[in-house]
C-alpha atoms as a PDB file:
ATOM      1  CA  UNK A   1     -62.379  12.575  19.946  1.00  0.00           C
ATOM      2  CA  UNK A   2     -61.572  10.327  22.943  1.00  0.00           C
ATOM      3  CA  UNK A   3     -58.348  10.845  24.789  1.00  0.00           C
ATOM      4  CA  UNK A   4     -56.601   7.966  26.484  1.00  0.00           C
ATOM      5  CA  UNK A   5     -56.148   8.542  30.187  1.00  0.00           C
ATOM      6  CA  UNK A   6     -52.523   8.180  31.322  1.00  0.00           C
ATOM      7  CA  UNK A   7     -51.970   7.140  34.900  1.00  0.00           C
ATOM      8  CA  UNK A   8     -48.654   8.867  35.592  1.00  0.00           C
ATOM      9  CA  UNK A   9     -48.430   7.428  39.092  1.00  0.00           C
ATOM     10  CA  UNK A  10     -48.375   3.880  37.727  1.00  0.00           C
ATOM     11  CA  UNK A  11     -45.860   4.936  35.081  1.00  0.00           C
ATOM     12  CA  UNK A  12     -43.491   6.350  37.716  1.00  0.00           C
ATOM     13  CA  UNK A  13     -43.877   3.384  40.028  1.00  0.00           C
ATOM     14  CA  UNK A  14     -43.387   0.880  37.191  1.00  0.00           C
ATOM     15  CA  UNK A  15     -39.687   0.358  37.965  1.00  0.00           C
ATOM     16  CA  UNK A  16     -38.074  -2.609  36.147  1.00  0.00           C
ATOM     17  CA  UNK A  17     -36.509  -5.407  38.150  1.00  0.00           C
ATOM     18  CA  UNK A  18     -32.949  -4.789  36.900  1.00  0.00           C
ATOM     19  CA  UNK A  19     -31.430  -7.698  38.809  1.00  0.00           C
ATOM     20  CA  UNK A  20     -33.787 -10.127  37.105  1.00  0.00           C
ATOM     21  CA  UNK A  21     -33.115  -8.606  33.674  1.00  0.00           C
ATOM     22  CA  UNK A  22     -29.338  -8.659  34.098  1.00  0.00           C
ATOM     23  CA  UNK A  23     -29.486 -12.367  34.929  1.00  0.00           C
ATOM     24  CA  UNK A  24     -30.224 -12.985  31.252  1.00  0.00           C
ATOM     25  CA  UNK A  25     -26.889 -11.552  30.137  1.00  0.00           C
ATOM     26  CA  UNK A  26     -24.278 -13.988  31.643  1.00  0.00           C
ATOM     27  CA  UNK A  27     -25.552 -17.025  29.661  1.00  0.00           C
ATOM     28  CA  UNK A  28     -25.102 -15.031  26.431  1.00  0.00           C
ATOM     29  CA  UNK A  29     -21.587 -13.986  27.454  1.00  0.00           C
ATOM     30  CA  UNK A  30     -20.660 -17.599  28.257  1.00  0.00           C
ATOM     31  CA  UNK A  31     -21.843 -18.711  24.802  1.00  0.00           C
ATOM     32  CA  UNK A  32     -19.837 -15.950  23.117  1.00  0.00           C
ATOM     33  CA  UNK A  33     -16.699 -16.832  25.091  1.00  0.00           C
ATOM     34  CA  UNK A  34     -17.142 -20.550  24.378  1.00  0.00           C
ATOM     35  CA  UNK A  35     -17.495 -19.872  20.654  1.00  0.00           C
ATOM     36  CA  UNK A  36     -13.991 -18.340  20.671  1.00  0.00           C
ATOM     37  CA  UNK A  37     -12.495 -21.744  21.411  1.00  0.00           C
ATOM     38  CA  UNK A  38     -14.209 -23.303  18.424  1.00  0.00           C
ATOM     39  CA  UNK A  39     -12.567 -23.707  15.030  1.00  0.00           C
ATOM     40  CA  UNK A  40     -13.100 -20.812  12.667  1.00  0.00           C
ATOM     41  CA  UNK A  41     -13.752 -18.221  15.356  1.00  0.00           C
ATOM     42  CA  UNK A  42     -12.736 -14.734  14.289  1.00  0.00           C
ATOM     43  CA  UNK A  43     -11.235 -13.245  17.404  1.00  0.00           C
ATOM     44  CA  UNK A  44      -7.921 -11.696  18.348  1.00  0.00           C
ATOM     45  CA  UNK A  45      -7.053 -12.842  21.850  1.00  0.00           C
ATOM     46  CA  UNK A  46      -3.791 -13.006  23.748  1.00  0.00           C
ATOM     47  CA  UNK A  47      -0.578 -11.102  23.125  1.00  0.00           C
ATOM     48  CA  UNK A  48      -0.467 -11.442  19.323  1.00  0.00           C
ATOM     49  CA  UNK A  49       0.333  -7.970  17.933  1.00  0.00           C
ATOM     50  CA  UNK A  50      -1.895  -6.278  15.387  1.00  0.00           C
ATOM     51  CA  UNK A  51      -2.250  -2.714  14.062  1.00  0.00           C
ATOM     52  CA  UNK A  52      -5.182  -0.670  15.338  1.00  0.00           C
ATOM     53  CA  UNK A  53      -7.780   0.923  13.095  1.00  0.00           C
ATOM     54  CA  UNK A  54      -7.844   4.162  15.109  1.00  0.00           C
ATOM     55  CA  UNK A  55      -4.063   4.541  14.836  1.00  0.00           C
ATOM     56  CA  UNK A  56      -4.164   4.081  11.053  1.00  0.00           C
ATOM     57  CA  UNK A  57      -6.849   6.774  10.731  1.00  0.00           C
ATOM     58  CA  UNK A  58      -4.668   9.163  12.752  1.00  0.00           C
ATOM     59  CA  UNK A  59      -1.733   8.356  10.448  1.00  0.00           C
ATOM     60  CA  UNK A  60      -3.879   9.189   7.403  1.00  0.00           C
ATOM     61  CA  UNK A  61      -4.916  12.507   8.927  1.00  0.00           C
ATOM     62  CA  UNK A  62      -1.339  13.413   9.819  1.00  0.00           C
ATOM     63  CA  UNK A  63      -0.055  12.477   6.360  1.00  0.00           C
ATOM     64  CA  UNK A  64      -2.714  14.678   4.760  1.00  0.00           C
ATOM     65  CA  UNK A  65      -1.609  17.587   6.964  1.00  0.00           C
ATOM     66  CA  UNK A  66       1.891  17.102   5.565  1.00  0.00           C
ATOM     67  CA  UNK A  67       0.802  16.698   1.959  1.00  0.00           C
ATOM     68  CA  UNK A  68      -1.593  19.683   2.109  1.00  0.00           C
ATOM     69  CA  UNK A  69       0.173  22.134   4.472  1.00  0.00           C
ATOM     70  CA  UNK A  70      -2.196  24.556   6.149  1.00  0.00           C
ATOM     71  CA  UNK A  71      -5.421  22.866   5.030  1.00  0.00           C
ATOM     72  CA  UNK A  72      -6.035  20.389   7.834  1.00  0.00           C
ATOM     73  CA  UNK A  73      -3.827  21.761  10.621  1.00  0.00           C
ATOM     74  CA  UNK A  74      -5.118  23.298  13.846  1.00  0.00           C
ATOM     75  CA  UNK A  75      -2.092  25.625  13.819  1.00  0.00           C
ATOM     76  CA  UNK A  76      -1.851  28.381  11.228  1.00  0.00           C
ATOM     77  CA  UNK A  77       0.974  27.582   8.800  1.00  0.00           C
ATOM     78  CA  UNK A  78       3.059  30.492   7.496  1.00  0.00           C
ATOM     79  CA  UNK A  79       6.213  30.663   5.346  1.00  0.00           C
ATOM     80  CA  UNK A  80       8.120  31.377   8.570  1.00  0.00           C
ATOM     81  CA  UNK A  81       7.030  28.265  10.489  1.00  0.00           C
ATOM     82  CA  UNK A  82       6.407  25.935   7.511  1.00  0.00           C
ATOM     83  CA  UNK A  83       9.633  23.956   7.781  1.00  0.00           C
ATOM     84  CA  UNK A  84       9.338  23.645  11.557  1.00  0.00           C
ATOM     85  CA  UNK A  85       5.713  22.445  11.380  1.00  0.00           C
ATOM     86  CA  UNK A  86       6.454  19.982   8.581  1.00  0.00           C
ATOM     87  CA  UNK A  87       9.464  18.677  10.480  1.00  0.00           C
ATOM     88  CA  UNK A  88       7.427  18.087  13.612  1.00  0.00           C
ATOM     89  CA  UNK A  89       4.545  16.443  11.762  1.00  0.00           C
ATOM     90  CA  UNK A  90       6.839  14.254   9.653  1.00  0.00           C
ATOM     91  CA  UNK A  91       8.848  13.058  12.656  1.00  0.00           C
ATOM     92  CA  UNK A  92       5.659  12.144  14.522  1.00  0.00           C
ATOM     93  CA  UNK A  93       4.302  10.413  11.422  1.00  0.00           C
ATOM     94  CA  UNK A  94       7.471   8.335  11.131  1.00  0.00           C
ATOM     95  CA  UNK A  95       7.236   7.156  14.751  1.00  0.00           C
ATOM     96  CA  UNK A  96       3.525   6.304  14.549  1.00  0.00           C
ATOM     97  CA  UNK A  97       3.827   4.575  11.191  1.00  0.00           C
ATOM     98  CA  UNK A  98       6.934   2.621  12.194  1.00  0.00           C
ATOM     99  CA  UNK A  99       5.105   1.239  15.228  1.00  0.00           C
ATOM    100  CA  UNK A 100       2.031   0.191  13.241  1.00  0.00           C
ATOM    101  CA  UNK A 101       4.079  -1.367  10.436  1.00  0.00           C
ATOM    102  CA  UNK A 102       6.127  -3.310  12.997  1.00  0.00           C
ATOM    103  CA  UNK A 103       2.904  -4.620  14.536  1.00  0.00           C
ATOM    104  CA  UNK A 104       1.626  -5.632  11.083  1.00  0.00           C
ATOM    105  CA  UNK A 105       4.846  -7.494  10.272  1.00  0.00           C
ATOM    106  CA  UNK A 106       4.879  -9.207  13.674  1.00  0.00           C
ATOM    107  CA  UNK A 107       1.274 -10.246  13.154  1.00  0.00           C
ATOM    108  CA  UNK A 108       2.189 -11.908   9.858  1.00  0.00           C
ATOM    109  CA  UNK A 109       4.993 -13.806  11.613  1.00  0.00           C
ATOM    110  CA  UNK A 110       2.618 -15.035  14.329  1.00  0.00           C
ATOM    111  CA  UNK A 111      -0.036 -15.942  11.780  1.00  0.00           C
ATOM    112  CA  UNK A 112       2.375 -17.961   9.616  1.00  0.00           C
ATOM    113  CA  UNK A 113       4.104 -19.447  12.700  1.00  0.00           C
ATOM    114  CA  UNK A 114       7.462 -18.094  11.542  1.00  0.00           C
ATOM    115  CA  UNK A 115      10.192 -16.752  13.773  1.00  0.00           C
ATOM    116  CA  UNK A 116       9.841 -13.013  14.234  1.00  0.00           C
ATOM    117  CA  UNK A 117      13.290 -11.598  13.402  1.00  0.00           C
ATOM    118  CA  UNK A 118      14.029  -7.879  13.301  1.00  0.00           C
ATOM    119  CA  UNK A 119      10.343  -7.008  12.850  1.00  0.00           C
ATOM    120  CA  UNK A 120      10.782  -3.697  14.665  1.00  0.00           C
ATOM    121  CA  UNK A 121      13.785  -2.665  12.591  1.00  0.00           C
ATOM    122  CA  UNK A 122      12.053  -3.851   9.436  1.00  0.00           C
ATOM    123  CA  UNK A 123       9.016  -1.748  10.318  1.00  0.00           C
ATOM    124  CA  UNK A 124      11.136   1.337  10.945  1.00  0.00           C
ATOM    125  CA  UNK A 125      12.990   0.887   7.664  1.00  0.00           C
ATOM    126  CA  UNK A 126       9.755   0.607   5.692  1.00  0.00           C
ATOM    127  CA  UNK A 127       8.340   3.648   7.509  1.00  0.00           C
ATOM    128  CA  UNK A 128      11.424   5.666   6.515  1.00  0.00           C
ATOM    129  CA  UNK A 129      11.089   4.502   2.903  1.00  0.00           C
ATOM    130  CA  UNK A 130       7.508   5.762   2.956  1.00  0.00           C
ATOM    131  CA  UNK A 131       8.577   9.106   4.443  1.00  0.00           C
ATOM    132  CA  UNK A 132      11.185   9.463   1.698  1.00  0.00           C
ATOM    133  CA  UNK A 133       8.553   9.050  -1.019  1.00  0.00           C
ATOM    134  CA  UNK A 134       6.213  11.738   0.411  1.00  0.00           C
ATOM    135  CA  UNK A 135       7.568  14.443  -1.975  1.00  0.00           C
ATOM    136  CA  UNK A 136       6.759  12.195  -4.962  1.00  0.00           C
ATOM    137  CA  UNK A 137       3.238  11.574  -3.593  1.00  0.00           C
ATOM    138  CA  UNK A 138       2.820  15.334  -3.206  1.00  0.00           C
ATOM    139  CA  UNK A 139       3.817  15.888  -6.839  1.00  0.00           C
ATOM    140  CA  UNK A 140       1.316  13.274  -8.026  1.00  0.00           C
ATOM    141  CA  UNK A 141      -1.465  14.816  -5.958  1.00  0.00           C
ATOM    142  CA  UNK A 142      -0.775  18.225  -7.480  1.00  0.00           C
ATOM    143  CA  UNK A 143      -1.517  16.704 -10.908  1.00  0.00           C
ATOM    144  CA  UNK A 144      -4.710  15.074  -9.574  1.00  0.00           C
ATOM    145  CA  UNK A 145      -5.927  18.389  -8.149  1.00  0.00           C
ATOM    146  CA  UNK A 146      -5.155  20.122 -11.432  1.00  0.00           C
ATOM    147  CA  UNK A 147      -7.093  17.400 -13.275  1.00  0.00           C
ATOM    148  CA  UNK A 148     -10.126  18.193 -11.098  1.00  0.00           C
ATOM    149  CA  UNK A 149      -9.795  21.910 -11.844  1.00  0.00           C
ATOM    150  CA  UNK A 150      -9.412  21.248 -15.583  1.00  0.00           C
ATOM    151  CA  UNK A 151     -12.155  18.616 -15.778  1.00  0.00           C
ATOM    152  CA  UNK A 152     -14.935  20.153 -13.702  1.00  0.00           C
ATOM    153  CA  UNK A 153     -16.383  23.560 -14.628  1.00  0.00           C
ATOM    154  CA  UNK A 154     -18.091  23.639 -11.221  1.00  0.00           C
ATOM    155  CA  UNK A 155     -14.740  23.689  -9.409  1.00  0.00           C
ATOM    156  CA  UNK A 156     -14.230  27.144  -7.895  1.00  0.00           C
ATOM    157  CA  UNK A 157     -10.561  26.704  -7.063  1.00  0.00           C
ATOM    158  CA  UNK A 158      -7.933  24.592  -5.345  1.00  0.00           C
ATOM    159  CA  UNK A 159      -9.320  25.166  -1.848  1.00  0.00           C
ATOM    160  CA  UNK A 160     -12.736  23.783  -2.755  1.00  0.00           C
ATOM    161  CA  UNK A 161     -11.223  20.774  -4.520  1.00  0.00           C
ATOM    162  CA  UNK A 162      -8.876  19.895  -1.640  1.00  0.00           C
ATOM    163  CA  UNK A 163     -11.466  20.364   1.087  1.00  0.00           C
ATOM    164  CA  UNK A 164     -14.585  18.909  -0.481  1.00  0.00           C
ATOM    165  CA  UNK A 165     -14.015  16.689  -3.534  1.00  0.00           C
ATOM    166  CA  UNK A 166     -14.462  13.021  -2.552  1.00  0.00           C
ATOM    167  CA  UNK A 167     -12.441  11.875  -5.560  1.00  0.00           C
ATOM    168  CA  UNK A 168      -9.435  13.900  -4.431  1.00  0.00           C
ATOM    169  CA  UNK A 169      -9.752  12.594  -0.871  1.00  0.00           C
ATOM    170  CA  UNK A 170      -9.985   8.994  -2.078  1.00  0.00           C
ATOM    171  CA  UNK A 171      -7.054   9.297  -4.483  1.00  0.00           C
ATOM    172  CA  UNK A 172      -4.876  11.038  -1.879  1.00  0.00           C
ATOM    173  CA  UNK A 173      -5.374   8.157   0.554  1.00  0.00           C
ATOM    174  CA  UNK A 174      -4.932   5.635  -2.255  1.00  0.00           C
ATOM    175  CA  UNK A 175      -1.590   7.112  -3.277  1.00  0.00           C
ATOM    176  CA  UNK A 176      -0.306   6.753   0.292  1.00  0.00           C
ATOM    177  CA  UNK A 177      -1.665   3.216   0.607  1.00  0.00           C
ATOM    178  CA  UNK A 178      -0.215   2.229  -2.778  1.00  0.00           C
ATOM    179  CA  UNK A 179       3.308   3.146  -1.684  1.00  0.00           C
ATOM    180  CA  UNK A 180       2.946   1.035   1.463  1.00  0.00           C
ATOM    181  CA  UNK A 181       1.510  -1.778  -0.673  1.00  0.00           C
ATOM    182  CA  UNK A 182       4.596  -1.649  -2.916  1.00  0.00           C
ATOM    183  CA  UNK A 183       6.796  -1.871   0.181  1.00  0.00           C
ATOM    184  CA  UNK A 184       5.063  -5.124   1.108  1.00  0.00           C
ATOM    185  CA  UNK A 185       3.444  -3.758   4.265  1.00  0.00           C
ATOM    186  CA  UNK A 186       0.670  -6.150   5.374  1.00  0.00           C
ATOM    187  CA  UNK A 187      -2.908  -5.138   6.277  1.00  0.00           C
ATOM    188  CA  UNK A 188      -2.348  -1.388   6.645  1.00  0.00           C
ATOM    189  CA  UNK A 189      -2.757  -0.347   2.965  1.00  0.00           C
ATOM    190  CA  UNK A 190      -6.139  -2.080   2.768  1.00  0.00           C
ATOM    191  CA  UNK A 191      -7.290  -0.520   6.027  1.00  0.00           C
ATOM    192  CA  UNK A 192      -6.427   2.883   4.560  1.00  0.00           C
ATOM    193  CA  UNK A 193      -8.314   2.492   1.288  1.00  0.00           C
ATOM    194  CA  UNK A 194     -11.336   0.909   2.972  1.00  0.00           C
ATOM    195  CA  UNK A 195     -11.409   3.851   5.374  1.00  0.00           C
ATOM    196  CA  UNK A 196     -11.552   6.140   2.329  1.00  0.00           C
ATOM    197  CA  UNK A 197     -14.240   3.897   0.831  1.00  0.00           C
ATOM    198  CA  UNK A 198     -16.363   4.196   3.967  1.00  0.00           C
ATOM    199  CA  UNK A 199     -16.874   7.956   3.661  1.00  0.00           C
ATOM    200  CA  UNK A 200     -16.398   8.673  -0.065  1.00  0.00           C
ATOM    201  CA  UNK A 201     -18.149   5.644  -1.601  1.00  0.00           C
ATOM    202  CA  UNK A 202     -15.041   5.164  -3.781  1.00  0.00           C
ATOM    203  CA  UNK A 203     -13.424   1.721  -3.539  1.00  0.00           C
ATOM    204  CA  UNK A 204      -9.835   1.650  -4.848  1.00  0.00           C
ATOM    205  CA  UNK A 205      -7.660  -1.338  -4.028  1.00  0.00           C
ATOM    206  CA  UNK A 206      -4.162  -0.219  -2.938  1.00  0.00           C
ATOM    207  CA  UNK A 207      -2.605  -2.588  -5.470  1.00  0.00           C
ATOM    208  CA  UNK A 208      -4.010  -0.739  -8.499  1.00  0.00           C
ATOM    209  CA  UNK A 209      -1.588   1.290 -10.625  1.00  0.00           C
ATOM    210  CA  UNK A 210      -2.926   4.780 -11.414  1.00  0.00           C
ATOM    211  CA  UNK A 211      -1.057   7.393 -13.455  1.00  0.00           C
ATOM    212  CA  UNK A 212      -0.883  11.133 -12.911  1.00  0.00           C
ATOM    213  CA  UNK A 213      -3.666  13.654 -13.589  1.00  0.00           C
ATOM    214  CA  UNK A 214      -6.362  11.226 -12.439  1.00  0.00           C
ATOM    215  CA  UNK A 215      -9.847  12.577 -11.787  1.00  0.00           C
ATOM    216  CA  UNK A 216     -12.976  10.912 -10.409  1.00  0.00           C
ATOM    217  CA  UNK A 217     -15.988  13.208 -10.817  1.00  0.00           C
ATOM    218  CA  UNK A 218     -18.722  12.806  -8.154  1.00  0.00           C
ATOM    219  CA  UNK A 219     -17.313   9.408  -7.315  1.00  0.00           C
ATOM    220  CA  UNK A 220     -20.004   7.457  -5.473  1.00  0.00           C
ATOM    221  CA  UNK A 221     -19.972   3.792  -6.448  1.00  0.00           C
ATOM    222  CA  UNK A 222     -16.621   3.762  -8.264  1.00  0.00           C
ATOM    223  CA  UNK A 223     -14.784   0.416  -7.907  1.00  0.00           C
ATOM    224  CA  UNK A 224     -11.180  -0.110  -9.044  1.00  0.00           C
ATOM    225  CA  UNK A 225      -9.784  -3.621  -8.552  1.00  0.00           C
ATOM    226  CA  UNK A 226      -6.350  -4.708  -7.366  1.00  0.00           C
ATOM    227  CA  UNK A 227      -4.688  -5.455 -10.725  1.00  0.00           C
ATOM    228  CA  UNK A 228      -6.191  -2.509 -12.612  1.00  0.00           C
ATOM    229  CA  UNK A 229      -3.710  -0.398 -14.572  1.00  0.00           C
ATOM    230  CA  UNK A 230      -4.751   3.186 -15.373  1.00  0.00           C
ATOM    231  CA  UNK A 231      -2.675   5.515 -17.522  1.00  0.00           C
ATOM    232  CA  UNK A 232      -2.288   9.289 -17.423  1.00  0.00           C
ATOM    233  CA  UNK A 233      -5.060  11.887 -17.641  1.00  0.00           C
ATOM    234  CA  UNK A 234      -7.902   9.390 -17.194  1.00  0.00           C
ATOM    235  CA  UNK A 235     -11.307  10.610 -16.035  1.00  0.00           C
ATOM    236  CA  UNK A 236     -14.014   8.460 -14.407  1.00  0.00           C
ATOM    237  CA  UNK A 237     -17.557   9.331 -13.384  1.00  0.00           C
ATOM    238  CA  UNK A 238     -19.755   7.901 -10.648  1.00  0.00           C
ATOM    239  CA  UNK A 239     -20.653   4.233 -10.643  1.00  0.00           C
ATOM    240  CA  UNK A 240     -17.784   3.090 -12.868  1.00  0.00           C
ATOM    241  CA  UNK A 241     -16.541  -0.444 -12.173  1.00  0.00           C
ATOM    242  CA  UNK A 242     -13.117  -1.660 -13.280  1.00  0.00           C
ATOM    243  CA  UNK A 243     -13.503  -5.210 -12.068  1.00  0.00           C
ATOM    244  CA  UNK A 244     -12.875  -8.900 -12.604  1.00  0.00           C
ATOM    245  CA  UNK A 245     -14.939 -11.404 -14.539  1.00  0.00           C
ATOM    246  CA  UNK A 246     -16.917 -14.024 -12.624  1.00  0.00           C
ATOM    247  CA  UNK A 247     -14.426 -16.074 -10.624  1.00  0.00           C
ATOM    248  CA  UNK A 248     -14.495 -19.696  -9.351  1.00  0.00           C
ATOM    249  CA  UNK A 249     -15.027 -20.365  -5.629  1.00  0.00           C
ATOM    250  CA  UNK A 250     -11.297 -21.015  -5.066  1.00  0.00           C
ATOM    251  CA  UNK A 251     -10.180 -17.913  -6.979  1.00  0.00           C
ATOM    252  CA  UNK A 252      -8.741 -16.311  -3.855  1.00  0.00           C
ATOM    253  CA  UNK A 253      -5.885 -18.830  -3.920  1.00  0.00           C
ATOM    254  CA  UNK A 254      -5.569 -19.780  -7.595  1.00  0.00           C
ATOM    255  CA  UNK A 255      -5.723 -16.279  -9.111  1.00  0.00           C
ATOM    256  CA  UNK A 256      -3.990 -14.339  -6.341  1.00  0.00           C
ATOM    257  CA  UNK A 257      -1.056 -13.164  -8.472  1.00  0.00           C
ATOM    258  CA  UNK A 258      -2.800 -13.055 -11.851  1.00  0.00           C
ATOM    259  CA  UNK A 259      -4.097  -9.966 -13.639  1.00  0.00           C
ATOM    260  CA  UNK A 260      -7.865  -9.971 -13.211  1.00  0.00           C
ATOM    261  CA  UNK A 261      -8.816  -6.340 -13.864  1.00  0.00           C
ATOM    262  CA  UNK A 262      -8.690  -4.172 -16.999  1.00  0.00           C
ATOM    263  CA  UNK A 263      -6.018  -1.836 -18.354  1.00  0.00           C
ATOM    264  CA  UNK A 264      -7.068   1.729 -19.180  1.00  0.00           C
ATOM    265  CA  UNK A 265      -4.625   3.654 -21.370  1.00  0.00           C
ATOM    266  CA  UNK A 266      -3.916   7.405 -21.403  1.00  0.00           C
ATOM    267  CA  UNK A 267      -6.579  10.097 -21.927  1.00  0.00           C
ATOM    268  CA  UNK A 268      -9.577   7.763 -21.601  1.00  0.00           C
ATOM    269  CA  UNK A 269     -12.951   9.053 -20.364  1.00  0.00           C
ATOM    270  CA  UNK A 270     -15.399   6.585 -18.810  1.00  0.00           C
ATOM    271  CA  UNK A 271     -18.900   7.905 -18.100  1.00  0.00           C
ATOM    272  CA  UNK A 272     -21.321   7.026 -15.305  1.00  0.00           C
ATOM    273  CA  UNK A 273     -22.213   3.420 -14.472  1.00  0.00           C
ATOM    274  CA  UNK A 274     -19.992   1.870 -17.131  1.00  0.00           C
ATOM    275  CA  UNK A 275     -18.664  -1.587 -16.236  1.00  0.00           C
ATOM    276  CA  UNK A 276     -15.368  -2.855 -17.668  1.00  0.00           C
ATOM    277  CA  UNK A 277     -14.282  -6.347 -16.645  1.00  0.00           C
ATOM    278  CA  UNK A 278     -11.419  -8.774 -17.154  1.00  0.00           C
ATOM    279  CA  UNK A 279      -7.652  -8.873 -16.915  1.00  0.00           C
ATOM    280  CA  UNK A 280      -7.217  -9.150 -20.687  1.00  0.00           C
ATOM    281  CA  UNK A 281      -9.524  -6.208 -21.405  1.00  0.00           C
ATOM    282  CA  UNK A 282      -7.630  -3.149 -22.641  1.00  0.00           C
ATOM    283  CA  UNK A 283      -9.242   0.212 -23.358  1.00  0.00           C
ATOM    284  CA  UNK A 284      -7.072   2.034 -25.886  1.00  0.00           C
ATOM    285  CA  UNK A 285      -5.811   5.580 -25.506  1.00  0.00           C
ATOM    286  CA  UNK A 286      -8.161   8.524 -26.068  1.00  0.00           C
ATOM    287  CA  UNK A 287     -11.214   6.252 -26.085  1.00  0.00           C
ATOM    288  CA  UNK A 288     -14.566   7.425 -24.701  1.00  0.00           C
ATOM    289  CA  UNK A 289     -16.803   4.877 -22.973  1.00  0.00           C
ATOM    290  CA  UNK A 290     -20.407   6.040 -22.656  1.00  0.00           C
ATOM    291  CA  UNK A 291     -22.655   5.649 -19.642  1.00  0.00           C
ATOM    292  CA  UNK A 292     -24.257   2.308 -18.723  1.00  0.00           C
ATOM    293  CA  UNK A 293     -21.940   0.358 -21.035  1.00  0.00           C
ATOM    294  CA  UNK A 294     -20.907  -3.236 -20.231  1.00  0.00           C
ATOM    295  CA  UNK A 295     -17.511  -4.243 -21.685  1.00  0.00           C
ATOM    296  CA  UNK A 296     -15.623  -7.539 -21.367  1.00  0.00           C
ATOM    297  CA  UNK A 297     -13.320  -7.283 -24.390  1.00  0.00           C
ATOM    298  CA  UNK A 298     -10.673  -4.834 -25.559  1.00  0.00           C
ATOM    299  CA  UNK A 299     -11.480  -1.577 -27.345  1.00  0.00           C
ATOM    300  CA  UNK A 300      -8.963  -0.009 -29.763  1.00  0.00           C
ATOM    301  CA  UNK A 301      -7.576   3.483 -29.320  1.00  0.00           C
ATOM    302  CA  UNK A 302      -9.512   6.563 -30.477  1.00  0.00           C
ATOM    303  CA  UNK A 303     -12.902   4.832 -30.242  1.00  0.00           C
ATOM    304  CA  UNK A 304     -16.276   5.948 -28.920  1.00  0.00           C
ATOM    305  CA  UNK A 305     -18.418   3.229 -27.348  1.00  0.00           C
ATOM    306  CA  UNK A 306     -22.024   4.371 -26.983  1.00  0.00           C
ATOM    307  CA  UNK A 307     -25.438   2.789 -26.562  1.00  0.00           C
ATOM    308  CA  UNK A 308     -28.108   3.378 -29.170  1.00  0.00           C
ATOM    309  CA  UNK A 309     -30.498   6.144 -28.200  1.00  0.00           C
ATOM    310  CA  UNK A 310     -33.206   4.566 -26.031  1.00  0.00           C
ATOM    311  CA  UNK A 311     -36.898   4.940 -26.819  1.00  0.00           C
ATOM    312  CA  UNK A 312     -38.592   6.964 -24.069  1.00  0.00           C
ATOM    313  CA  UNK A 313     -42.284   6.390 -23.306  1.00  0.00           C
ATOM    314  CA  UNK A 314     -44.242   9.237 -21.686  1.00  0.00           C
ATOM    315  CA  UNK A 315     -47.645   8.645 -20.112  1.00  0.00           C
ATOM    316  CA  UNK A 316     -50.037  10.468 -17.783  1.00  0.00           C
ATOM    317  CA  UNK A 317     -50.807  14.169 -17.410  1.00  0.00           C
ATOM    318  CA  UNK A 318     -52.609  14.250 -20.712  1.00  0.00           C
ATOM    319  CA  UNK A 319     -49.645  12.861 -22.671  1.00  0.00           C
ATOM    320  CA  UNK A 320     -50.445  10.070 -25.100  1.00  0.00           C
ATOM    321  CA  UNK A 321     -48.206   7.044 -25.385  1.00  0.00           C
END
């Protein structure tokens, strides 16, 4: 077998002409800069305020340390220092959140060309309202964690569910984002839920209404639209879509405040890869929706919706068709 001879001397001496290469970069930069003066350019130049993605992620992490004391903290939390640690974390969270909400409100004023009046105070007031609802969020999350324990025989305990279940992580961030959404905070709630979407594969719009004891098993590919209403003790499996019907090109403006996504009543189970669409579609209480089902009309309570058993065809390895 022939071996290719490598001339290492030539390889070492083959130094690129960096000056010549770098000369190709300025023309590209000039084109990019020029494009920012054109209509429709998506840039954010000048002194217009805007929240930062990194700051919102830090807010999520700090809020989770408050909602799950001792689980995500670098410092060991004990009954003795619990109140002190929570007080410190909550005060810091208030300051960080107030600043980011103020930036978001100011950005809306700049964008709509309105006078920016009391944006800072408004941001601080909304941040305090969020802080005041943290105990209620904590209570809701306790029911969600219990739903995971009750609904998944593989769950070994609360620690495993809190640390490692993507559904619990997604719903915990959703419940925070939903409260900010209700307060009318711009931009930030969507950043929060899309951050959760990016690492759990679970896409929940912060505008959705979701009752207590909610459990998403496995989770990857779940989509829950903005105007979805979900009752208590509902369980979803991976790949479930609670979405809108096909919309016209101008739907973003025309249907902005209309209900476009389904309503799921209490104690419903929806199995993997089921798709339920439409704002008028209602799935009645205690109904079971089987896997791979496509639904665009309402289903009465206490119903099972299942596909007929498919015909499987085996071939190869000596098996006859």
